[in-house]
Amino acid sequence: FYPEFWGWVKMGRRLIEMHTGFESPEPYPLQTVEQT
């Protein structure tokens, strides 16, 4: 039993998002340098 129940709910949701959403991150904007 936690007095701040909804705070724990938010943390649990965030933890689930981190574990299930790792396959769809935003790509980091790397610079591609191509020579001829």
Full PDB file with SEQRES, HELIX, SHEET, SSBOND, CRYST1, ORIGX, SCALE, CONECT and MASTER records, all heavy atoms in Angstrom:
SEQRES   1 A   36  PHE TYR PRO GLU PHE TRP GLY TRP VAL LYS MET GLY ARG          
SEQRES   2 A   36  ARG LEU ILE GLU MET HIS THR GLY PHE GLU SER PRO GLU          
SEQRES   3 A   36  PRO TYR PRO LEU GLN THR VAL GLU GLN THR                      
HELIX    1 AA1 PHE A    5  THR A   20  1                                  16    
CRYST1    1.000    1.000    1.000  90.00  90.00  90.00 P 1           1          
ORIGX1      1.000000  0.000000  0.000000        0.00000                         
ORIGX2      0.000000  1.000000  0.000000        0.00000                         
ORIGX3      0.000000  0.000000  1.000000        0.00000                         
SCALE1      1.000000  0.000000  0.000000        0.00000                         
SCALE2      0.000000  1.000000  0.000000        0.00000                         
SCALE3      0.000000  0.000000  1.000000        0.00000                         
ATOM      1  N   PHE A   1       0.860  -1.176   0.000  1.00  0.00           N  
ATOM      2  CA  PHE A   1       0.000   0.000   0.000  1.00  0.00           C  
ATOM      3  C   PHE A   1       0.898   1.227   0.000  1.00  0.00           C  
ATOM      4  O   PHE A   1       1.767   1.380   0.849  1.00  0.00           O  
ATOM      5  CB  PHE A   1      -0.899   0.012   1.234  1.00  0.00           C  
ATOM      6  CG  PHE A   1      -1.669   1.292   1.358  1.00  0.00           C  
ATOM      7  CD1 PHE A   1      -2.754   1.550   0.530  1.00  0.00           C  
ATOM      8  CD2 PHE A   1      -1.293   2.246   2.277  1.00  0.00           C  
ATOM      9  CE1 PHE A   1      -3.445   2.730   0.629  1.00  0.00           C  
ATOM     10  CE2 PHE A   1      -1.991   3.440   2.380  1.00  0.00           C  
ATOM     11  CZ  PHE A   1      -3.065   3.679   1.555  1.00  0.00           C  
ATOM     12  N   TYR A   2       0.675   2.095  -0.964  1.00  0.00           N  
ATOM     13  CA  TYR A   2       1.448   3.324  -1.055  1.00  0.00           C  
ATOM     14  C   TYR A   2       0.496   4.508  -0.987  1.00  0.00           C  
ATOM     15  O   TYR A   2      -0.501   4.546  -1.717  1.00  0.00           O  
ATOM     16  CB  TYR A   2       2.223   3.378  -2.368  1.00  0.00           C  
ATOM     17  CG  TYR A   2       3.311   2.340  -2.452  1.00  0.00           C  
ATOM     18  CD1 TYR A   2       3.158   1.217  -3.266  1.00  0.00           C  
ATOM     19  CD2 TYR A   2       4.474   2.476  -1.723  1.00  0.00           C  
ATOM     20  CE1 TYR A   2       4.151   0.260  -3.333  1.00  0.00           C  
ATOM     21  CE2 TYR A   2       5.468   1.520  -1.784  1.00  0.00           C  
ATOM     22  CZ  TYR A   2       5.300   0.420  -2.606  1.00  0.00           C  
ATOM     23  OH  TYR A   2       6.289  -0.512  -2.664  1.00  0.00           O  
ATOM     24  N   PRO A   3       0.788   5.472  -0.146  1.00  0.00           N  
ATOM     25  CA  PRO A   3      -0.083   6.647  -0.062  1.00  0.00           C  
ATOM     26  C   PRO A   3      -0.172   7.408  -1.391  1.00  0.00           C  
ATOM     27  O   PRO A   3      -1.199   7.934  -1.739  1.00  0.00           O  
ATOM     28  CB  PRO A   3       0.562   7.514   1.011  1.00  0.00           C  
ATOM     29  CG  PRO A   3       1.546   6.662   1.707  1.00  0.00           C  
ATOM     30  CD  PRO A   3       1.875   5.521   0.818  1.00  0.00           C  
ATOM     31  N   GLU A   4       0.911   7.450  -2.130  1.00  0.00           N  
ATOM     32  CA  GLU A   4       0.946   8.147  -3.424  1.00  0.00           C  
ATOM     33  C   GLU A   4       0.707   7.137  -4.546  1.00  0.00           C  
ATOM     34  O   GLU A   4       1.541   6.976  -5.448  1.00  0.00           O  
ATOM     35  CB  GLU A   4       2.306   8.831  -3.606  1.00  0.00           C  
ATOM     36  CG  GLU A   4       2.615   9.868  -2.561  1.00  0.00           C  
ATOM     37  CD  GLU A   4       1.716  11.082  -2.702  1.00  0.00           C  
ATOM     38  OE1 GLU A   4       1.345  11.422  -3.835  1.00  0.00           O  
ATOM     39  OE2 GLU A   4       1.375  11.668  -1.660  1.00  0.00           O  
ATOM     40  N   PHE A   5      -0.426   6.464  -4.520  1.00  0.00           N  
ATOM     41  CA  PHE A   5      -0.705   5.377  -5.455  1.00  0.00           C  
ATOM     42  C   PHE A   5      -0.587   5.805  -6.912  1.00  0.00           C  
ATOM     43  O   PHE A   5       0.033   5.125  -7.719  1.00  0.00           O  
ATOM     44  CB  PHE A   5      -2.114   4.812  -5.179  1.00  0.00           C  
ATOM     45  CG  PHE A   5      -2.536   3.759  -6.156  1.00  0.00           C  
ATOM     46  CD1 PHE A   5      -2.007   2.486  -6.077  1.00  0.00           C  
ATOM     47  CD2 PHE A   5      -3.446   4.046  -7.164  1.00  0.00           C  
ATOM     48  CE1 PHE A   5      -2.389   1.500  -6.972  1.00  0.00           C  
ATOM     49  CE2 PHE A   5      -3.830   3.071  -8.058  1.00  0.00           C  
ATOM     50  CZ  PHE A   5      -3.303   1.798  -7.965  1.00  0.00           C  
ATOM     51  N   TRP A   6      -1.175   6.933  -7.294  1.00  0.00           N  
ATOM     52  CA  TRP A   6      -1.174   7.341  -8.706  1.00  0.00           C  
ATOM     53  C   TRP A   6       0.218   7.735  -9.187  1.00  0.00           C  
ATOM     54  O   TRP A   6       0.524   7.615 -10.369  1.00  0.00           O  
ATOM     55  CB  TRP A   6      -2.196   8.451  -8.939  1.00  0.00           C  
ATOM     56  CG  TRP A   6      -3.573   7.921  -8.720  1.00  0.00           C  
ATOM     57  CD1 TRP A   6      -4.422   8.235  -7.688  1.00  0.00           C  
ATOM     58  CD2 TRP A   6      -4.247   6.937  -9.505  1.00  0.00           C  
ATOM     59  NE1 TRP A   6      -5.577   7.500  -7.791  1.00  0.00           N  
ATOM     60  CE2 TRP A   6      -5.498   6.703  -8.906  1.00  0.00           C  
ATOM     61  CE3 TRP A   6      -3.918   6.225 -10.645  1.00  0.00           C  
ATOM     62  CZ2 TRP A   6      -6.414   5.798  -9.419  1.00  0.00           C  
ATOM     63  CZ3 TRP A   6      -4.840   5.324 -11.153  1.00  0.00           C  
ATOM     64  CH2 TRP A   6      -6.074   5.114 -10.549  1.00  0.00           C  
ATOM     65  N   GLY A   7       1.067   8.154  -8.298  1.00  0.00           N  
ATOM     66  CA  GLY A   7       2.464   8.396  -8.677  1.00  0.00           C  
ATOM     67  C   GLY A   7       3.157   7.099  -9.075  1.00  0.00           C  
ATOM     68  O   GLY A   7       3.913   7.044 -10.039  1.00  0.00           O  
ATOM     69  N   TRP A   8       2.870   6.043  -8.316  1.00  0.00           N  
ATOM     70  CA  TRP A   8       3.433   4.734  -8.631  1.00  0.00           C  
ATOM     71  C   TRP A   8       2.849   4.194  -9.939  1.00  0.00           C  
ATOM     72  O   TRP A   8       3.539   3.531 -10.716  1.00  0.00           O  
ATOM     73  CB  TRP A   8       3.186   3.752  -7.497  1.00  0.00           C  
ATOM     74  CG  TRP A   8       4.055   4.045  -6.320  1.00  0.00           C  
ATOM     75  CD1 TRP A   8       3.755   4.831  -5.245  1.00  0.00           C  
ATOM     76  CD2 TRP A   8       5.389   3.592  -6.114  1.00  0.00           C  
ATOM     77  NE1 TRP A   8       4.812   4.886  -4.377  1.00  0.00           N  
ATOM     78  CE2 TRP A   8       5.832   4.125  -4.895  1.00  0.00           C  
ATOM     79  CE3 TRP A   8       6.253   2.779  -6.843  1.00  0.00           C  
ATOM     80  CZ2 TRP A   8       7.096   3.876  -4.389  1.00  0.00           C  
ATOM     81  CZ3 TRP A   8       7.506   2.523  -6.323  1.00  0.00           C  
ATOM     82  CH2 TRP A   8       7.918   3.073  -5.121  1.00  0.00           C  
ATOM     83  N   VAL A   9       1.591   4.489 -10.191  1.00  0.00           N  
ATOM     84  CA  VAL A   9       0.968   4.065 -11.446  1.00  0.00           C  
ATOM     85  C   VAL A   9       1.675   4.727 -12.624  1.00  0.00           C  
ATOM     86  O   VAL A   9       1.988   4.081 -13.623  1.00  0.00           O  
ATOM     87  CB  VAL A   9      -0.542   4.398 -11.448  1.00  0.00           C  
ATOM     88  CG1 VAL A   9      -1.145   4.228 -12.832  1.00  0.00           C  
ATOM     89  CG2 VAL A   9      -1.275   3.531 -10.439  1.00  0.00           C  
ATOM     90  N   LYS A  10       1.956   6.026 -12.504  1.00  0.00           N  
ATOM     91  CA  LYS A  10       2.661   6.738 -13.581  1.00  0.00           C  
ATOM     92  C   LYS A  10       4.052   6.167 -13.811  1.00  0.00           C  
ATOM     93  O   LYS A  10       4.488   5.989 -14.949  1.00  0.00           O  
ATOM     94  CB  LYS A  10       2.747   8.233 -13.246  1.00  0.00           C  
ATOM     95  CG  LYS A  10       1.437   8.966 -13.444  1.00  0.00           C  
ATOM     96  CD  LYS A  10       1.475  10.385 -12.943  1.00  0.00           C  
ATOM     97  CE  LYS A  10       2.471  11.220 -13.711  1.00  0.00           C  
ATOM     98  NZ  LYS A  10       2.477  12.625 -13.298  1.00  0.00           N  
ATOM     99  N   MET A  11       4.762   5.859 -12.717  1.00  0.00           N  
ATOM    100  CA  MET A  11       6.094   5.278 -12.865  1.00  0.00           C  
ATOM    101  C   MET A  11       6.022   3.897 -13.503  1.00  0.00           C  
ATOM    102  O   MET A  11       6.857   3.545 -14.344  1.00  0.00           O  
ATOM    103  CB  MET A  11       6.793   5.194 -11.501  1.00  0.00           C  
ATOM    104  CG  MET A  11       7.281   6.517 -11.006  1.00  0.00           C  
ATOM    105  SD  MET A  11       8.305   6.375  -9.542  1.00  0.00           S  
ATOM    106  CE  MET A  11       7.069   6.154  -8.273  1.00  0.00           C  
ATOM    107  N   GLY A  12       5.041   3.105 -13.128  1.00  0.00           N  
ATOM    108  CA  GLY A  12       4.867   1.778 -13.723  1.00  0.00           C  
ATOM    109  C   GLY A  12       4.566   1.861 -15.206  1.00  0.00           C  
ATOM    110  O   GLY A  12       5.104   1.094 -16.012  1.00  0.00           O  
ATOM    111  N   ARG A  13       3.709   2.805 -15.594  1.00  0.00           N  
ATOM    112  CA  ARG A  13       3.418   2.982 -17.021  1.00  0.00           C  
ATOM    113  C   ARG A  13       4.659   3.386 -17.789  1.00  0.00           C  
ATOM    114  O   ARG A  13       4.913   2.904 -18.892  1.00  0.00           O  
ATOM    115  CB  ARG A  13       2.327   4.038 -17.200  1.00  0.00           C  
ATOM    116  CG  ARG A  13       0.968   3.512 -16.890  1.00  0.00           C  
ATOM    117  CD  ARG A  13      -0.099   4.500 -17.283  1.00  0.00           C  
ATOM    118  NE  ARG A  13      -1.393   3.970 -16.890  1.00  0.00           N  
ATOM    119  CZ  ARG A  13      -2.358   4.675 -16.371  1.00  0.00           C  
ATOM    120  NH1 ARG A  13      -2.195   5.971 -16.167  1.00  0.00           N  
ATOM    121  NH2 ARG A  13      -3.502   4.112 -16.051  1.00  0.00           N  
ATOM    122  N   ARG A  14       5.430   4.287 -17.218  1.00  0.00           N  
ATOM    123  CA  ARG A  14       6.666   4.733 -17.882  1.00  0.00           C  
ATOM    124  C   ARG A  14       7.647   3.575 -18.034  1.00  0.00           C  
ATOM    125  O   ARG A  14       8.299   3.420 -19.066  1.00  0.00           O  
ATOM    126  CB  ARG A  14       7.297   5.868 -17.078  1.00  0.00           C  
ATOM    127  CG  ARG A  14       8.573   6.391 -17.635  1.00  0.00           C  
ATOM    128  CD  ARG A  14       8.336   7.169 -18.914  1.00  0.00           C  
ATOM    129  NE  ARG A  14       9.608   7.592 -19.441  1.00  0.00           N  
ATOM    130  CZ  ARG A  14      10.070   7.267 -20.640  1.00  0.00           C  
ATOM    131  NH1 ARG A  14       9.338   6.549 -21.457  1.00  0.00           N  
ATOM    132  NH2 ARG A  14      11.242   7.668 -21.037  1.00  0.00           N  
ATOM    133  N   LEU A  15       7.751   2.734 -17.010  1.00  0.00           N  
ATOM    134  CA  LEU A  15       8.630   1.574 -17.057  1.00  0.00           C  
ATOM    135  C   LEU A  15       8.185   0.606 -18.153  1.00  0.00           C  
ATOM    136  O   LEU A  15       9.009   0.091 -18.917  1.00  0.00           O  
ATOM    137  CB  LEU A  15       8.657   0.879 -15.694  1.00  0.00           C  
ATOM    138  CG  LEU A  15       9.607  -0.285 -15.535  1.00  0.00           C  
ATOM    139  CD1 LEU A  15      11.042   0.165 -15.735  1.00  0.00           C  
ATOM    140  CD2 LEU A  15       9.433  -0.910 -14.168  1.00  0.00           C  
ATOM    141  N   ILE A  16       6.895   0.387 -18.267  1.00  0.00           N  
ATOM    142  CA  ILE A  16       6.376  -0.506 -19.321  1.00  0.00           C  
ATOM    143  C   ILE A  16       6.669   0.083 -20.689  1.00  0.00           C  
ATOM    144  O   ILE A  16       7.036  -0.643 -21.616  1.00  0.00           O  
ATOM    145  CB  ILE A  16       4.866  -0.722 -19.114  1.00  0.00           C  
ATOM    146  CG1 ILE A  16       4.661  -1.421 -17.815  1.00  0.00           C  
ATOM    147  CG2 ILE A  16       4.244  -1.398 -20.309  1.00  0.00           C  
ATOM    148  CD1 ILE A  16       3.902  -2.670 -17.800  1.00  0.00           C  
ATOM    149  N   GLU A  17       6.496   1.403 -20.849  1.00  0.00           N  
ATOM    150  CA  GLU A  17       6.798   2.049 -22.133  1.00  0.00           C  
ATOM    151  C   GLU A  17       8.263   1.872 -22.504  1.00  0.00           C  
ATOM    152  O   GLU A  17       8.590   1.648 -23.662  1.00  0.00           O  
ATOM    153  CB  GLU A  17       6.461   3.537 -22.063  1.00  0.00           C  
ATOM    154  CG  GLU A  17       4.990   3.842 -22.038  1.00  0.00           C  
ATOM    155  CD  GLU A  17       4.722   5.307 -21.760  1.00  0.00           C  
ATOM    156  OE1 GLU A  17       5.678   6.116 -21.677  1.00  0.00           O  
ATOM    157  OE2 GLU A  17       3.537   5.658 -21.607  1.00  0.00           O  
ATOM    158  N   MET A  18       9.144   1.980 -21.510  1.00  0.00           N  
ATOM    159  CA  MET A  18      10.573   1.823 -21.791  1.00  0.00           C  
ATOM    160  C   MET A  18      10.889   0.399 -22.224  1.00  0.00           C  
ATOM    161  O   MET A  18      11.732   0.184 -23.098  1.00  0.00           O  
ATOM    162  CB  MET A  18      11.396   2.204 -20.557  1.00  0.00           C  
ATOM    163  CG  MET A  18      11.397   3.679 -20.313  1.00  0.00           C  
ATOM    164  SD  MET A  18      12.145   4.264 -18.767  1.00  0.00           S  
ATOM    165  CE  MET A  18      13.319   3.082 -18.302  1.00  0.00           C  
ATOM    166  N   HIS A  19      10.220  -0.582 -21.639  1.00  0.00           N  
ATOM    167  CA  HIS A  19      10.504  -1.979 -21.961  1.00  0.00           C  
ATOM    168  C   HIS A  19       9.856  -2.428 -23.262  1.00  0.00           C  
ATOM    169  O   HIS A  19      10.360  -3.332 -23.916  1.00  0.00           O  
ATOM    170  CB  HIS A  19      10.039  -2.897 -20.822  1.00  0.00           C  
ATOM    171  CG  HIS A  19      10.986  -2.904 -19.671  1.00  0.00           C  
ATOM    172  ND1 HIS A  19      12.166  -3.600 -19.672  1.00  0.00           N  
ATOM    173  CD2 HIS A  19      10.932  -2.284 -18.475  1.00  0.00           C  
ATOM    174  CE1 HIS A  19      12.798  -3.415 -18.537  1.00  0.00           C  
ATOM    175  NE2 HIS A  19      12.077  -2.614 -17.789  1.00  0.00           N  
ATOM    176  N   THR A  20       8.742  -1.814 -23.636  1.00  0.00           N  
ATOM    177  CA  THR A  20       8.055  -2.259 -24.848  1.00  0.00           C  
ATOM    178  C   THR A  20       8.281  -1.337 -26.037  1.00  0.00           C  
ATOM    179  O   THR A  20       8.091  -1.740 -27.164  1.00  0.00           O  
ATOM    180  CB  THR A  20       6.535  -2.382 -24.602  1.00  0.00           C  
ATOM    181  OG1 THR A  20       6.030  -1.113 -24.177  1.00  0.00           O  
ATOM    182  CG2 THR A  20       6.242  -3.440 -23.568  1.00  0.00           C  
ATOM    183  N   GLY A  21       8.698  -0.108 -25.822  1.00  0.00           N  
ATOM    184  CA  GLY A  21       8.842   0.843 -26.914  1.00  0.00           C  
ATOM    185  C   GLY A  21      10.267   1.061 -27.386  1.00  0.00           C  
ATOM    186  O   GLY A  21      10.542   2.009 -28.107  1.00  0.00           O  
ATOM    187  N   PHE A  22      11.192   0.183 -27.015  1.00  0.00           N  
ATOM    188  CA  PHE A  22      12.591   0.408 -27.371  1.00  0.00           C  
ATOM    189  C   PHE A  22      12.865   0.152 -28.845  1.00  0.00           C  
ATOM    190  O   PHE A  22      13.898   0.547 -29.369  1.00  0.00           O  
ATOM    191  CB  PHE A  22      13.524  -0.454 -26.509  1.00  0.00           C  
ATOM    192  CG  PHE A  22      13.431  -1.925 -26.799  1.00  0.00           C  
ATOM    193  CD1 PHE A  22      14.270  -2.512 -27.712  1.00  0.00           C  
ATOM    194  CD2 PHE A  22      12.490  -2.714 -26.162  1.00  0.00           C  
ATOM    195  CE1 PHE A  22      14.187  -3.862 -27.985  1.00  0.00           C  
ATOM    196  CE2 PHE A  22      12.397  -4.051 -26.425  1.00  0.00           C  
ATOM    197  CZ  PHE A  22      13.242  -4.632 -27.343  1.00  0.00           C  
ATOM    198  N   GLU A  23      11.939  -0.503 -29.548  1.00  0.00           N  
ATOM    199  CA  GLU A  23      12.173  -0.823 -30.953  1.00  0.00           C  
ATOM    200  C   GLU A  23      11.804   0.319 -31.890  1.00  0.00           C  
ATOM    201  O   GLU A  23      12.070   0.251 -33.072  1.00  0.00           O  
ATOM    202  CB  GLU A  23      11.386  -2.073 -31.331  1.00  0.00           C  
ATOM    203  CG  GLU A  23      11.865  -3.297 -30.593  1.00  0.00           C  
ATOM    204  CD  GLU A  23      10.962  -4.485 -30.808  1.00  0.00           C  
ATOM    205  OE1 GLU A  23       9.799  -4.284 -31.184  1.00  0.00           O  
ATOM    206  OE2 GLU A  23      11.425  -5.607 -30.586  1.00  0.00           O  
ATOM    207  N   SER A  24      11.191   1.364 -31.380  1.00  0.00           N  
ATOM    208  CA  SER A  24      10.752   2.455 -32.251  1.00  0.00           C  
ATOM    209  C   SER A  24      11.261   3.817 -31.776  1.00  0.00           C  
ATOM    210  O   SER A  24      10.489   4.746 -31.620  1.00  0.00           O  
ATOM    211  CB  SER A  24       9.231   2.461 -32.327  1.00  0.00           C  
ATOM    212  OG  SER A  24       8.685   2.591 -31.028  1.00  0.00           O  
ATOM    213  N   PRO A  25      12.567   3.954 -31.560  1.00  0.00           N  
ATOM    214  CA  PRO A  25      13.075   5.260 -31.140  1.00  0.00           C  
ATOM    215  C   PRO A  25      13.221   6.200 -32.336  1.00  0.00           C  
ATOM    216  O   PRO A  25      13.229   5.776 -33.488  1.00  0.00           O  
ATOM    217  CB  PRO A  25      14.447   4.933 -30.548  1.00  0.00           C  
ATOM    218  CG  PRO A  25      14.900   3.767 -31.345  1.00  0.00           C  
ATOM    219  CD  PRO A  25      13.645   2.970 -31.609  1.00  0.00           C  
ATOM    220  N   GLU A  26      13.335   7.467 -32.044  1.00  0.00           N  
ATOM    221  CA  GLU A  26      13.628   8.442 -33.090  1.00  0.00           C  
ATOM    222  C   GLU A  26      15.092   8.276 -33.495  1.00  0.00           C  
ATOM    223  O   GLU A  26      15.972   8.209 -32.641  1.00  0.00           O  
ATOM    224  CB  GLU A  26      13.416   9.859 -32.552  1.00  0.00           C  
ATOM    225  CG  GLU A  26      11.976  10.214 -32.319  1.00  0.00           C  
ATOM    226  CD  GLU A  26      11.209  10.354 -33.611  1.00  0.00           C  
ATOM    227  OE1 GLU A  26      11.773  10.875 -34.588  1.00  0.00           O  
ATOM    228  OE2 GLU A  26      10.046   9.912 -33.645  1.00  0.00           O  
ATOM    229  N   PRO A  27      15.390   8.179 -34.784  1.00  0.00           N  
ATOM    230  CA  PRO A  27      16.788   8.035 -35.203  1.00  0.00           C  
ATOM    231  C   PRO A  27      17.592   9.296 -34.870  1.00  0.00           C  
ATOM    232  O   PRO A  27      17.083  10.410 -34.974  1.00  0.00           O  
ATOM    233  CB  PRO A  27      16.713   7.820 -36.710  1.00  0.00           C  
ATOM    234  CG  PRO A  27      15.310   7.977 -37.103  1.00  0.00           C  
ATOM    235  CD  PRO A  27      14.469   8.158 -35.886  1.00  0.00           C  
ATOM    236  N   TYR A  28      18.815   9.090 -34.449  1.00  0.00           N  
ATOM    237  CA  TYR A  28      19.687  10.216 -34.138  1.00  0.00           C  
ATOM    238  C   TYR A  28      20.146  10.854 -35.448  1.00  0.00           C  
ATOM    239  O   TYR A  28      20.503  10.144 -36.390  1.00  0.00           O  
ATOM    240  CB  TYR A  28      20.901   9.742 -33.319  1.00  0.00           C  
ATOM    241  CG  TYR A  28      21.675  10.884 -32.744  1.00  0.00           C  
ATOM    242  CD1 TYR A  28      21.278  11.489 -31.564  1.00  0.00           C  
ATOM    243  CD2 TYR A  28      22.787  11.387 -33.398  1.00  0.00           C  
ATOM    244  CE1 TYR A  28      21.974  12.546 -31.036  1.00  0.00           C  
ATOM    245  CE2 TYR A  28      23.490  12.456 -32.873  1.00  0.00           C  
ATOM    246  CZ  TYR A  28      23.077  13.030 -31.697  1.00  0.00           C  
ATOM    247  OH  TYR A  28      23.754  14.088 -31.184  1.00  0.00           O  
ATOM    248  N   PRO A  29      20.151  12.172 -35.533  1.00  0.00           N  
ATOM    249  CA  PRO A  29      20.496  12.821 -36.804  1.00  0.00           C  
ATOM    250  C   PRO A  29      22.006  12.809 -37.089  1.00  0.00           C  
ATOM    251  O   PRO A  29      22.693  13.809 -36.894  1.00  0.00           O  
ATOM    252  CB  PRO A  29      19.966  14.242 -36.632  1.00  0.00           C  
ATOM    253  CG  PRO A  29      20.006  14.474 -35.155  1.00  0.00           C  
ATOM    254  CD  PRO A  29      19.737  13.129 -34.525  1.00  0.00           C  
ATOM    255  N   LEU A  30      22.508  11.692 -37.547  1.00  0.00           N  
ATOM    256  CA  LEU A  30      23.914  11.614 -37.936  1.00  0.00           C  
ATOM    257  C   LEU A  30      24.103  12.243 -39.312  1.00  0.00           C  
ATOM    258  O   LEU A  30      23.178  12.272 -40.130  1.00  0.00           O  
ATOM    259  CB  LEU A  30      24.374  10.157 -37.993  1.00  0.00           C  
ATOM    260  CG  LEU A  30      24.420   9.409 -36.663  1.00  0.00           C  
ATOM    261  CD1 LEU A  30      24.803   7.960 -36.902  1.00  0.00           C  
ATOM    262  CD2 LEU A  30      25.406  10.051 -35.726  1.00  0.00           C  
ATOM    263  N   GLN A  31      25.294  12.721 -39.570  1.00  0.00           N  
ATOM    264  CA  GLN A  31      25.612  13.280 -40.883  1.00  0.00           C  
ATOM    265  C   GLN A  31      26.274  12.189 -41.717  1.00  0.00           C  
ATOM    266  O   GLN A  31      27.245  11.578 -41.281  1.00  0.00           O  
ATOM    267  CB  GLN A  31      26.579  14.461 -40.736  1.00  0.00           C  
ATOM    268  CG  GLN A  31      26.051  15.554 -39.842  1.00  0.00           C  
ATOM    269  CD  GLN A  31      27.171  16.410 -39.287  1.00  0.00           C  
ATOM    270  OE1 GLN A  31      28.342  16.124 -39.477  1.00  0.00           O  
ATOM    271  NE2 GLN A  31      26.806  17.460 -38.584  1.00  0.00           N  
ATOM    272  N   THR A  32      25.738  11.949 -42.880  1.00  0.00           N  
ATOM    273  CA  THR A  32      26.332  10.970 -43.789  1.00  0.00           C  
ATOM    274  C   THR A  32      27.218  11.715 -44.769  1.00  0.00           C  
ATOM    275  O   THR A  32      26.753  12.584 -45.502  1.00  0.00           O  
ATOM    276  CB  THR A  32      25.237  10.201 -44.549  1.00  0.00           C  
ATOM    277  OG1 THR A  32      24.370   9.604 -43.599  1.00  0.00           O  
ATOM    278  CG2 THR A  32      25.839   9.118 -45.416  1.00  0.00           C  
ATOM    279  N   VAL A  33      28.503  11.392 -44.760  1.00  0.00           N  
ATOM    280  CA  VAL A  33      29.464  12.026 -45.659  1.00  0.00           C  
ATOM    281  C   VAL A  33      29.823  11.002 -46.732  1.00  0.00           C  
ATOM    282  O   VAL A  33      30.391   9.960 -46.427  1.00  0.00           O  
ATOM    283  CB  VAL A  33      30.730  12.475 -44.885  1.00  0.00           C  
ATOM    284  CG1 VAL A  33      31.716  13.127 -45.819  1.00  0.00           C  
ATOM    285  CG2 VAL A  33      30.353  13.386 -43.734  1.00  0.00           C  
ATOM    286  N   GLU A  34      29.445  11.313 -47.967  1.00  0.00           N  
ATOM    287  CA  GLU A  34      29.712  10.401 -49.084  1.00  0.00           C  
ATOM    288  C   GLU A  34      30.717  11.046 -50.018  1.00  0.00           C  
ATOM    289  O   GLU A  34      30.562  12.193 -50.404  1.00  0.00           O  
ATOM    290  CB  GLU A  34      28.412  10.097 -49.841  1.00  0.00           C  
ATOM    291  CG  GLU A  34      27.339   9.526 -48.968  1.00  0.00           C  
ATOM    292  CD  GLU A  34      27.010   8.101 -49.324  1.00  0.00           C  
ATOM    293  OE1 GLU A  34      27.587   7.569 -50.278  1.00  0.00           O  
ATOM    294  OE2 GLU A  34      26.182   7.531 -48.614  1.00  0.00           O  
ATOM    295  N   GLN A  35      31.737  10.305 -50.367  1.00  0.00           N  
ATOM    296  CA  GLN A  35      32.700  10.772 -51.356  1.00  0.00           C  
ATOM    297  C   GLN A  35      32.316  10.178 -52.704  1.00  0.00           C  
ATOM    298  O   GLN A  35      31.554   9.219 -52.788  1.00  0.00           O  
ATOM    299  CB  GLN A  35      34.105  10.345 -50.963  1.00  0.00           C  
ATOM    300  CG  GLN A  35      34.539  10.928 -49.638  1.00  0.00           C  
ATOM    301  CD  GLN A  35      35.885  10.384 -49.195  1.00  0.00           C  
ATOM    302  OE1 GLN A  35      36.484   9.569 -49.880  1.00  0.00           O  
ATOM    303  NE2 GLN A  35      36.346  10.835 -48.050  1.00  0.00           N  
ATOM    304  N   THR A  36      32.850  10.740 -53.749  1.00  0.00           N  
ATOM    305  CA  THR A  36      32.534  10.216 -55.076  1.00  0.00           C  
ATOM    306  C   THR A  36      33.254   8.896 -55.299  1.00  0.00           C  
ATOM    307  O   THR A  36      34.286   8.614 -54.693  1.00  0.00           O  
ATOM    308  CB  THR A  36      32.952  11.216 -56.164  1.00  0.00           C  
ATOM    309  OG1 THR A  36      34.350  11.484 -56.035  1.00  0.00           O  
ATOM    310  CG2 THR A  36      32.160  12.499 -56.043  1.00  0.00           C  
TER     311      THR A  36                                                      
MASTER        0    0    0    1    0    0    0    6  310    1    0    3          
END                                                                             
